[in-house]
């Protein structure tokens, strides 16, 4: 996984991590949700704030080819958390 040179993504990622800790989630959940955002950022060139439904559908379909269903669900939950708590979007 490459690192981001995108300052906006880095800011969003830091906010995401702060929200995860403030919600009192378990360390393994924090790790999984953080990994999900890094993986999504890597796939979408670190631009997560304007993804279309079709892009996400394609991403999660491709992810299911490589990972178990439980891993894909964690990524989905991590993205939902990111959208609700960081981007303030439903």
PDB file of N, CA and C in Angstrom:
ATOM      1  N   UNK A   1       0.844  -1.164   0.000  1.00  0.00           N
ATOM      2  CA  UNK A   1       0.000   0.000   0.000  1.00  0.00           C
ATOM      3  C   UNK A   1       0.892   1.231   0.000  1.00  0.00           C
ATOM      4  N   UNK A   2       0.642   2.132  -0.935  1.00  0.00           N
ATOM      5  CA  UNK A   2       1.447   3.344  -0.989  1.00  0.00           C
ATOM      6  C   UNK A   2       0.960   4.363   0.033  1.00  0.00           C
ATOM      7  N   UNK A   3       1.834   5.288   0.380  1.00  0.00           N
ATOM      8  CA  UNK A   3       1.442   6.332   1.315  1.00  0.00           C
ATOM      9  C   UNK A   3       0.896   7.520   0.539  1.00  0.00           C
ATOM     10  N   UNK A   4       0.086   8.297   1.192  1.00  0.00           N
ATOM     11  CA  UNK A   4      -0.583   9.413   0.537  1.00  0.00           C
ATOM     12  C   UNK A   4       0.246  10.687   0.630  1.00  0.00           C
ATOM     13  N   UNK A   5       0.335  11.376  -0.503  1.00  0.00           N
ATOM     14  CA  UNK A   5       0.893  12.720  -0.524  1.00  0.00           C
ATOM     15  C   UNK A   5      -0.237  13.740  -0.586  1.00  0.00           C
ATOM     16  N   UNK A   6      -1.454  13.255  -0.432  1.00  0.00           N
ATOM     17  CA  UNK A   6      -2.635  14.101  -0.506  1.00  0.00           C
ATOM     18  C   UNK A   6      -2.937  14.641   0.890  1.00  0.00           C
ATOM     19  N   UNK A   7      -2.725  15.951   1.098  1.00  0.00           N
ATOM     20  CA  UNK A   7      -2.944  16.502   2.439  1.00  0.00           C
ATOM     21  C   UNK A   7      -4.398  16.384   2.906  1.00  0.00           C
ATOM     22  N   UNK A   8      -5.349  16.474   1.983  1.00  0.00           N
ATOM     23  CA  UNK A   8      -6.751  16.351   2.369  1.00  0.00           C
ATOM     24  C   UNK A   8      -7.046  14.945   2.878  1.00  0.00           C
ATOM     25  N   UNK A   9      -6.539  13.920   2.170  1.00  0.00           N
ATOM     26  CA  UNK A   9      -6.739  12.550   2.631  1.00  0.00           C
ATOM     27  C   UNK A   9      -6.100  12.353   3.995  1.00  0.00           C
ATOM     28  N   UNK A  10      -4.892  12.859   4.170  1.00  0.00           N
ATOM     29  CA  UNK A  10      -4.204  12.711   5.455  1.00  0.00           C
ATOM     30  C   UNK A  10      -4.998  13.366   6.586  1.00  0.00           C
ATOM     31  N   UNK A  11      -5.577  14.527   6.322  1.00  0.00           N
ATOM     32  CA  UNK A  11      -6.398  15.210   7.322  1.00  0.00           C
ATOM     33  C   UNK A  11      -7.641  14.381   7.636  1.00  0.00           C
ATOM     34  N   UNK A  12      -8.308  13.887   6.587  1.00  0.00           N
ATOM     35  CA  UNK A  12      -9.485  13.035   6.783  1.00  0.00           C
ATOM     36  C   UNK A  12      -9.126  11.773   7.560  1.00  0.00           C
ATOM     37  N   UNK A  13      -7.999  11.186   7.246  1.00  0.00           N
ATOM     38  CA  UNK A  13      -7.586   9.951   7.923  1.00  0.00           C
ATOM     39  C   UNK A  13      -7.342  10.208   9.406  1.00  0.00           C
ATOM     40  N   UNK A  14      -6.684  11.310   9.718  1.00  0.00           N
ATOM     41  CA  UNK A  14      -6.439  11.656  11.125  1.00  0.00           C
ATOM     42  C   UNK A  14      -7.757  11.899  11.866  1.00  0.00           C
ATOM     43  N   UNK A  15      -8.692  12.605  11.221  1.00  0.00           N
ATOM     44  CA  UNK A  15     -10.007  12.818  11.833  1.00  0.00           C
ATOM     45  C   UNK A  15     -10.721  11.492  12.060  1.00  0.00           C
ATOM     46  N   UNK A  16     -10.621  10.608  11.091  1.00  0.00           N
ATOM     47  CA  UNK A  16     -11.238   9.288  11.194  1.00  0.00           C
ATOM     48  C   UNK A  16     -10.691   8.547  12.415  1.00  0.00           C
ATOM     49  N   UNK A  17      -9.390   8.556  12.563  1.00  0.00           N
ATOM     50  CA  UNK A  17      -8.762   7.872  13.700  1.00  0.00           C
ATOM     51  C   UNK A  17      -9.181   8.496  15.031  1.00  0.00           C
ATOM     52  N   UNK A  18      -9.294   9.821  15.077  1.00  0.00           N
ATOM     53  CA  UNK A  18      -9.741  10.489  16.306  1.00  0.00           C
ATOM     54  C   UNK A  18     -11.168  10.087  16.651  1.00  0.00           C
ATOM     55  N   UNK A  19     -12.042  10.088  15.651  1.00  0.00           N
ATOM     56  CA  UNK A  19     -13.440   9.708  15.891  1.00  0.00           C
ATOM     57  C   UNK A  19     -13.536   8.258  16.361  1.00  0.00           C
ATOM     58  N   UNK A  20     -12.734   7.390  15.779  1.00  0.00           N
ATOM     59  CA  UNK A  20     -12.758   5.982  16.186  1.00  0.00           C
ATOM     60  C   UNK A  20     -12.403   5.842  17.660  1.00  0.00           C
ATOM     61  N   UNK A  21     -11.353   6.549  18.081  1.00  0.00           N
ATOM     62  CA  UNK A  21     -10.933   6.466  19.483  1.00  0.00           C
ATOM     63  C   UNK A  21     -11.976   7.096  20.410  1.00  0.00           C
ATOM     64  N   UNK A  22     -12.543   8.238  19.985  1.00  0.00           N
ATOM     65  CA  UNK A  22     -13.521   8.924  20.841  1.00  0.00           C
ATOM     66  C   UNK A  22     -14.824   8.145  20.990  1.00  0.00           C
ATOM     67  N   UNK A  23     -15.147   7.301  20.039  1.00  0.00           N
ATOM     68  CA  UNK A  23     -16.364   6.489  20.132  1.00  0.00           C
ATOM     69  C   UNK A  23     -16.164   5.281  21.035  1.00  0.00           C
ATOM     70  N   UNK A  24     -14.939   5.069  21.480  1.00  0.00           N
ATOM     71  CA  UNK A  24     -14.675   3.981  22.420  1.00  0.00           C
ATOM     72  C   UNK A  24     -14.697   2.603  21.785  1.00  0.00           C
ATOM     73  N   UNK A  25     -14.384   2.533  20.507  1.00  0.00           N
ATOM     74  CA  UNK A  25     -14.375   1.237  19.827  1.00  0.00           C
ATOM     75  C   UNK A  25     -13.180   0.404  20.283  1.00  0.00           C
ATOM     76  N   UNK A  26     -13.311  -0.888  20.140  1.00  0.00           N
ATOM     77  CA  UNK A  26     -12.239  -1.803  20.519  1.00  0.00           C
ATOM     78  C   UNK A  26     -11.025  -1.610  19.593  1.00  0.00           C
ATOM     79  N   UNK A  27      -9.813  -1.848  20.096  1.00  0.00           N
ATOM     80  CA  UNK A  27      -8.608  -1.663  19.280  1.00  0.00           C
ATOM     81  C   UNK A  27      -8.636  -2.426  17.948  1.00  0.00           C
ATOM     82  N   UNK A  28      -9.157  -3.635  17.948  1.00  0.00           N
ATOM     83  CA  UNK A  28      -9.212  -4.401  16.691  1.00  0.00           C
ATOM     84  C   UNK A  28     -10.180  -3.763  15.698  1.00  0.00           C
ATOM     85  N   UNK A  29     -11.256  -3.184  16.191  1.00  0.00           N
ATOM     86  CA  UNK A  29     -12.203  -2.496  15.313  1.00  0.00           C
ATOM     87  C   UNK A  29     -11.564  -1.234  14.751  1.00  0.00           C
ATOM     88  N   UNK A  30     -10.880  -0.493  15.585  1.00  0.00           N
ATOM     89  CA  UNK A  30     -10.171   0.711  15.132  1.00  0.00           C
ATOM     90  C   UNK A  30      -9.170   0.345  14.053  1.00  0.00           C
ATOM     91  N   UNK A  31      -8.413  -0.720  14.280  1.00  0.00           N
ATOM     92  CA  UNK A  31      -7.428  -1.173  13.303  1.00  0.00           C
ATOM     93  C   UNK A  31      -8.095  -1.554  11.981  1.00  0.00           C
ATOM     94  N   UNK A  32      -9.205  -2.288  12.047  1.00  0.00           N
ATOM     95  CA  UNK A  32      -9.898  -2.743  10.836  1.00  0.00           C
ATOM     96  C   UNK A  32     -10.492  -1.568  10.063  1.00  0.00           C
ATOM     97  N   UNK A  33     -11.139  -0.631  10.759  1.00  0.00           N
ATOM     98  CA  UNK A  33     -11.756   0.513  10.083  1.00  0.00           C
ATOM     99  C   UNK A  33     -10.689   1.438   9.493  1.00  0.00           C
ATOM    100  N   UNK A  34      -9.571   1.597  10.192  1.00  0.00           N
ATOM    101  CA  UNK A  34      -8.468   2.414   9.672  1.00  0.00           C
ATOM    102  C   UNK A  34      -7.855   1.768   8.432  1.00  0.00           C
ATOM    103  N   UNK A  35      -7.682   0.467   8.484  1.00  0.00           N
ATOM    104  CA  UNK A  35      -7.147  -0.264   7.340  1.00  0.00           C
ATOM    105  C   UNK A  35      -8.084  -0.136   6.138  1.00  0.00           C
ATOM    106  N   UNK A  36      -9.372  -0.170   6.395  1.00  0.00           N
ATOM    107  CA  UNK A  36     -10.353  -0.034   5.316  1.00  0.00           C
ATOM    108  C   UNK A  36     -10.194   1.301   4.600  1.00  0.00           C
ATOM    109  N   UNK A  37     -10.009   2.375   5.352  1.00  0.00           N
ATOM    110  CA  UNK A  37      -9.871   3.693   4.743  1.00  0.00           C
ATOM    111  C   UNK A  37      -8.548   3.802   3.987  1.00  0.00           C
ATOM    112  N   UNK A  38      -7.488   3.223   4.526  1.00  0.00           N
ATOM    113  CA  UNK A  38      -6.214   3.233   3.798  1.00  0.00           C
ATOM    114  C   UNK A  38      -6.331   2.447   2.496  1.00  0.00           C
ATOM    115  N   UNK A  39      -7.007   1.299   2.549  1.00  0.00           N
ATOM    116  CA  UNK A  39      -7.169   0.457   1.361  1.00  0.00           C
ATOM    117  C   UNK A  39      -8.027   1.174   0.309  1.00  0.00           C
ATOM    118  N   UNK A  40      -9.121   1.789   0.752  1.00  0.00           N
ATOM    119  CA  UNK A  40      -9.968   2.561  -0.158  1.00  0.00           C
ATOM    120  C   UNK A  40      -9.204   3.749  -0.742  1.00  0.00           C
ATOM    121  N   UNK A  41      -8.462   4.432   0.104  1.00  0.00           N
ATOM    122  CA  UNK A  41      -7.670   5.566  -0.370  1.00  0.00           C
ATOM    123  C   UNK A  41      -6.678   5.139  -1.428  1.00  0.00           C
ATOM    124  N   UNK A  42      -6.028   4.036  -1.201  1.00  0.00           N
ATOM    125  CA  UNK A  42      -5.064   3.517  -2.165  1.00  0.00           C
ATOM    126  C   UNK A  42      -5.746   3.194  -3.495  1.00  0.00           C
ATOM    127  N   UNK A  43      -6.905   2.578  -3.436  1.00  0.00           N
ATOM    128  CA  UNK A  43      -7.619   2.170  -4.643  1.00  0.00           C
ATOM    129  C   UNK A  43      -8.144   3.378  -5.425  1.00  0.00           C
ATOM    130  N   UNK A  44      -8.654   4.385  -4.711  1.00  0.00           N
ATOM    131  CA  UNK A  44      -9.264   5.544  -5.364  1.00  0.00           C
ATOM    132  C   UNK A  44      -8.331   6.756  -5.393  1.00  0.00           C
ATOM    133  N   UNK A  45      -7.046   6.508  -5.380  1.00  0.00           N
ATOM    134  CA  UNK A  45      -6.045   7.566  -5.484  1.00  0.00           C
ATOM    135  C   UNK A  45      -6.246   8.640  -4.410  1.00  0.00           C
ATOM    136  N   UNK A  46      -6.647   8.217  -3.230  1.00  0.00           N
ATOM    137  CA  UNK A  46      -6.775   9.043  -2.039  1.00  0.00           C
ATOM    138  C   UNK A  46      -7.841  10.142  -2.156  1.00  0.00           C
ATOM    139  N   UNK A  47      -8.848   9.932  -2.986  1.00  0.00           N
ATOM    140  CA  UNK A  47      -9.980  10.855  -3.119  1.00  0.00           C
ATOM    141  C   UNK A  47     -11.248  10.102  -2.724  1.00  0.00           C
ATOM    142  N   UNK A  48     -11.645  10.221  -1.471  1.00  0.00           N
ATOM    143  CA  UNK A  48     -12.783   9.462  -0.954  1.00  0.00           C
ATOM    144  C   UNK A  48     -14.036  10.298  -0.732  1.00  0.00           C
ATOM    145  N   UNK A  49     -13.940  11.588  -0.898  1.00  0.00           N
ATOM    146  CA  UNK A  49     -15.069  12.430  -0.522  1.00  0.00           C
ATOM    147  C   UNK A  49     -16.149  12.574  -1.593  1.00  0.00           C
ATOM    148  N   UNK A  50     -15.925  12.076  -2.797  1.00  0.00           N
ATOM    149  CA  UNK A  50     -16.925  12.231  -3.860  1.00  0.00           C
ATOM    150  C   UNK A  50     -17.103  10.939  -4.661  1.00  0.00           C
ATOM    151  N   UNK A  51     -17.112   9.820  -3.978  1.00  0.00           N
ATOM    152  CA  UNK A  51     -17.252   8.542  -4.678  1.00  0.00           C
ATOM    153  C   UNK A  51     -18.706   8.304  -5.070  1.00  0.00           C
ATOM    154  N   UNK A  52     -18.879   7.737  -6.247  1.00  0.00           N
ATOM    155  CA  UNK A  52     -20.208   7.406  -6.747  1.00  0.00           C
ATOM    156  C   UNK A  52     -20.579   5.990  -6.312  1.00  0.00           C
ATOM    157  N   UNK A  53     -21.859   5.731  -6.274  1.00  0.00           N
ATOM    158  CA  UNK A  53     -22.353   4.420  -5.858  1.00  0.00           C
ATOM    159  C   UNK A  53     -21.800   3.310  -6.746  1.00  0.00           C
ATOM    160  N   UNK A  54     -21.725   3.546  -8.034  1.00  0.00           N
ATOM    161  CA  UNK A  54     -21.213   2.526  -8.954  1.00  0.00           C
ATOM    162  C   UNK A  54     -19.732   2.235  -8.704  1.00  0.00           C
ATOM    163  N   UNK A  55     -18.961   3.264  -8.383  1.00  0.00           N
ATOM    164  CA  UNK A  55     -17.551   3.058  -8.058  1.00  0.00           C
ATOM    165  C   UNK A  55     -17.408   2.157  -6.833  1.00  0.00           C
ATOM    166  N   UNK A  56     -18.227   2.429  -5.833  1.00  0.00           N
ATOM    167  CA  UNK A  56     -18.167   1.626  -4.614  1.00  0.00           C
ATOM    168  C   UNK A  56     -18.635   0.198  -4.860  1.00  0.00           C
ATOM    169  N   UNK A  57     -19.657   0.044  -5.662  1.00  0.00           N
ATOM    170  CA  UNK A  57     -20.142  -1.288  -6.010  1.00  0.00           C
ATOM    171  C   UNK A  57     -19.039  -2.093  -6.693  1.00  0.00           C
ATOM    172  N   UNK A  58     -18.361  -1.485  -7.654  1.00  0.00           N
ATOM    173  CA  UNK A  58     -17.264  -2.159  -8.344  1.00  0.00           C
ATOM    174  C   UNK A  58     -16.115  -2.488  -7.398  1.00  0.00           C
ATOM    175  N   UNK A  59     -15.802  -1.538  -6.512  1.00  0.00           N
ATOM    176  CA  UNK A  59     -14.716  -1.751  -5.559  1.00  0.00           C
ATOM    177  C   UNK A  59     -15.006  -2.934  -4.639  1.00  0.00           C
ATOM    178  N   UNK A  60     -16.180  -2.938  -4.026  1.00  0.00           N
ATOM    179  CA  UNK A  60     -16.496  -4.007  -3.080  1.00  0.00           C
ATOM    180  C   UNK A  60     -16.675  -5.349  -3.786  1.00  0.00           C
ATOM    181  N   UNK A  61     -17.139  -5.326  -5.014  1.00  0.00           N
ATOM    182  CA  UNK A  61     -17.242  -6.576  -5.782  1.00  0.00           C
ATOM    183  C   UNK A  61     -15.850  -7.143  -6.045  1.00  0.00           C
ATOM    184  N   UNK A  62     -14.912  -6.282  -6.447  1.00  0.00           N
ATOM    185  CA  UNK A  62     -13.535  -6.716  -6.688  1.00  0.00           C
ATOM    186  C   UNK A  62     -12.874  -7.173  -5.391  1.00  0.00           C
ATOM    187  N   UNK A  63     -13.165  -6.485  -4.312  1.00  0.00           N
ATOM    188  CA  UNK A  63     -12.587  -6.836  -3.013  1.00  0.00           C
ATOM    189  C   UNK A  63     -13.055  -8.216  -2.563  1.00  0.00           C
ATOM    190  N   UNK A  64     -14.294  -8.535  -2.854  1.00  0.00           N
ATOM    191  CA  UNK A  64     -14.849  -9.834  -2.477  1.00  0.00           C
ATOM    192  C   UNK A  64     -14.158 -10.981  -3.208  1.00  0.00           C
ATOM    193  N   UNK A  65     -13.569 -10.695  -4.351  1.00  0.00           N
ATOM    194  CA  UNK A  65     -12.813 -11.713  -5.088  1.00  0.00           C
ATOM    195  C   UNK A  65     -11.507 -12.061  -4.373  1.00  0.00           C
ATOM    196  N   UNK A  66     -10.977 -11.113  -3.575  1.00  0.00           N
ATOM    197  CA  UNK A  66      -9.685 -11.303  -2.920  1.00  0.00           C
ATOM    198  C   UNK A  66      -9.782 -11.637  -1.436  1.00  0.00           C
ATOM    199  N   UNK A  67     -10.828 -11.126  -0.778  1.00  0.00           N
ATOM    200  CA  UNK A  67     -10.923 -11.242   0.678  1.00  0.00           C
ATOM    201  C   UNK A  67     -12.179 -11.989   1.086  1.00  0.00           C
ATOM    202  N   UNK A  68     -12.215 -12.368   2.338  1.00  0.00           N
ATOM    203  CA  UNK A  68     -13.393 -13.057   2.867  1.00  0.00           C
ATOM    204  C   UNK A  68     -14.545 -12.058   3.025  1.00  0.00           C
ATOM    205  N   UNK A  69     -15.754 -12.608   3.127  1.00  0.00           N
ATOM    206  CA  UNK A  69     -16.930 -11.765   3.303  1.00  0.00           C
ATOM    207  C   UNK A  69     -16.824 -10.933   4.576  1.00  0.00           C
ATOM    208  N   UNK A  70     -16.300 -11.492   5.645  1.00  0.00           N
ATOM    209  CA  UNK A  70     -16.183 -10.743   6.897  1.00  0.00           C
ATOM    210  C   UNK A  70     -15.211  -9.562   6.757  1.00  0.00           C
ATOM    211  N   UNK A  71     -14.150  -9.726   5.991  1.00  0.00           N
ATOM    212  CA  UNK A  71     -13.216  -8.620   5.750  1.00  0.00           C
ATOM    213  C   UNK A  71     -13.862  -7.528   4.921  1.00  0.00           C
ATOM    214  N   UNK A  72     -14.633  -7.932   3.927  1.00  0.00           N
ATOM    215  CA  UNK A  72     -15.325  -6.957   3.078  1.00  0.00           C
ATOM    216  C   UNK A  72     -16.343  -6.176   3.914  1.00  0.00           C
ATOM    217  N   UNK A  73     -17.048  -6.872   4.800  1.00  0.00           N
ATOM    218  CA  UNK A  73     -18.019  -6.191   5.664  1.00  0.00           C
ATOM    219  C   UNK A  73     -17.326  -5.171   6.567  1.00  0.00           C
ATOM    220  N   UNK A  74     -16.167  -5.515   7.105  1.00  0.00           N
ATOM    221  CA  UNK A  74     -15.431  -4.563   7.941  1.00  0.00           C
ATOM    222  C   UNK A  74     -15.037  -3.323   7.142  1.00  0.00           C
ATOM    223  N   UNK A  75     -14.635  -3.523   5.889  1.00  0.00           N
ATOM    224  CA  UNK A  75     -14.300  -2.375   5.045  1.00  0.00           C
ATOM    225  C   UNK A  75     -15.532  -1.515   4.788  1.00  0.00           C
ATOM    226  N   UNK A  76     -16.657  -2.153   4.554  1.00  0.00           N
ATOM    227  CA  UNK A  76     -17.897  -1.418   4.333  1.00  0.00           C
ATOM    228  C   UNK A  76     -18.283  -0.633   5.587  1.00  0.00           C
ATOM    229  N   UNK A  77     -18.205  -1.268   6.744  1.00  0.00           N
ATOM    230  CA  UNK A  77     -18.527  -0.579   7.995  1.00  0.00           C
ATOM    231  C   UNK A  77     -17.547   0.571   8.264  1.00  0.00           C
ATOM    232  N   UNK A  78     -16.271   0.354   7.941  1.00  0.00           N
ATOM    233  CA  UNK A  78     -15.280   1.415   8.097  1.00  0.00           C
ATOM    234  C   UNK A  78     -15.585   2.604   7.204  1.00  0.00           C
ATOM    235  N   UNK A  79     -16.025   2.329   5.967  1.00  0.00           N
ATOM    236  CA  UNK A  79     -16.379   3.411   5.055  1.00  0.00           C
ATOM    237  C   UNK A  79     -17.627   4.136   5.536  1.00  0.00           C
ATOM    238  N   UNK A  80     -18.611   3.392   6.029  1.00  0.00           N
ATOM    239  CA  UNK A  80     -19.828   4.021   6.564  1.00  0.00           C
ATOM    240  C   UNK A  80     -19.471   4.940   7.732  1.00  0.00           C
ATOM    241  N   UNK A  81     -18.627   4.457   8.626  1.00  0.00           N
ATOM    242  CA  UNK A  81     -18.197   5.265   9.764  1.00  0.00           C
ATOM    243  C   UNK A  81     -17.519   6.543   9.270  1.00  0.00           C
ATOM    244  N   UNK A  82     -16.647   6.416   8.285  1.00  0.00           N
ATOM    245  CA  UNK A  82     -15.926   7.553   7.714  1.00  0.00           C
ATOM    246  C   UNK A  82     -16.900   8.579   7.139  1.00  0.00           C
ATOM    247  N   UNK A  83     -17.862   8.117   6.356  1.00  0.00           N
ATOM    248  CA  UNK A  83     -18.811   9.036   5.734  1.00  0.00           C
ATOM    249  C   UNK A  83     -19.681   9.738   6.774  1.00  0.00           C
ATOM    250  N   UNK A  84     -20.125   9.013   7.780  1.00  0.00           N
ATOM    251  CA  UNK A  84     -21.012   9.610   8.789  1.00  0.00           C
ATOM    252  C   UNK A  84     -20.257  10.558   9.711  1.00  0.00           C
ATOM    253  N   UNK A  85     -19.111  10.131  10.218  1.00  0.00           N
ATOM    254  CA  UNK A  85     -18.437  10.896  11.266  1.00  0.00           C
ATOM    255  C   UNK A  85     -17.407  11.886  10.755  1.00  0.00           C
ATOM    256  N   UNK A  86     -16.797  11.627   9.617  1.00  0.00           N
ATOM    257  CA  UNK A  86     -15.762  12.541   9.100  1.00  0.00           C
ATOM    258  C   UNK A  86     -16.341  13.477   8.049  1.00  0.00           C
ATOM    259  N   UNK A  87     -17.060  12.914   7.081  1.00  0.00           N
ATOM    260  CA  UNK A  87     -17.611  13.733   6.007  1.00  0.00           C
ATOM    261  C   UNK A  87     -18.994  14.301   6.321  1.00  0.00           C
ATOM    262  N   UNK A  88     -19.603  13.808   7.402  1.00  0.00           N
ATOM    263  CA  UNK A  88     -20.954  14.224   7.787  1.00  0.00           C
ATOM    264  C   UNK A  88     -21.965  14.010   6.665  1.00  0.00           C
ATOM    265  N   UNK A  89     -21.855  12.863   6.006  1.00  0.00           N
ATOM    266  CA  UNK A  89     -22.783  12.486   4.941  1.00  0.00           C
ATOM    267  C   UNK A  89     -23.470  11.188   5.335  1.00  0.00           C
ATOM    268  N   UNK A  90     -24.716  11.020   4.908  1.00  0.00           N
ATOM    269  CA  UNK A  90     -25.417   9.751   5.232  1.00  0.00           C
ATOM    270  C   UNK A  90     -24.846   8.582   4.452  1.00  0.00           C
TER     271      UNK A  90
END
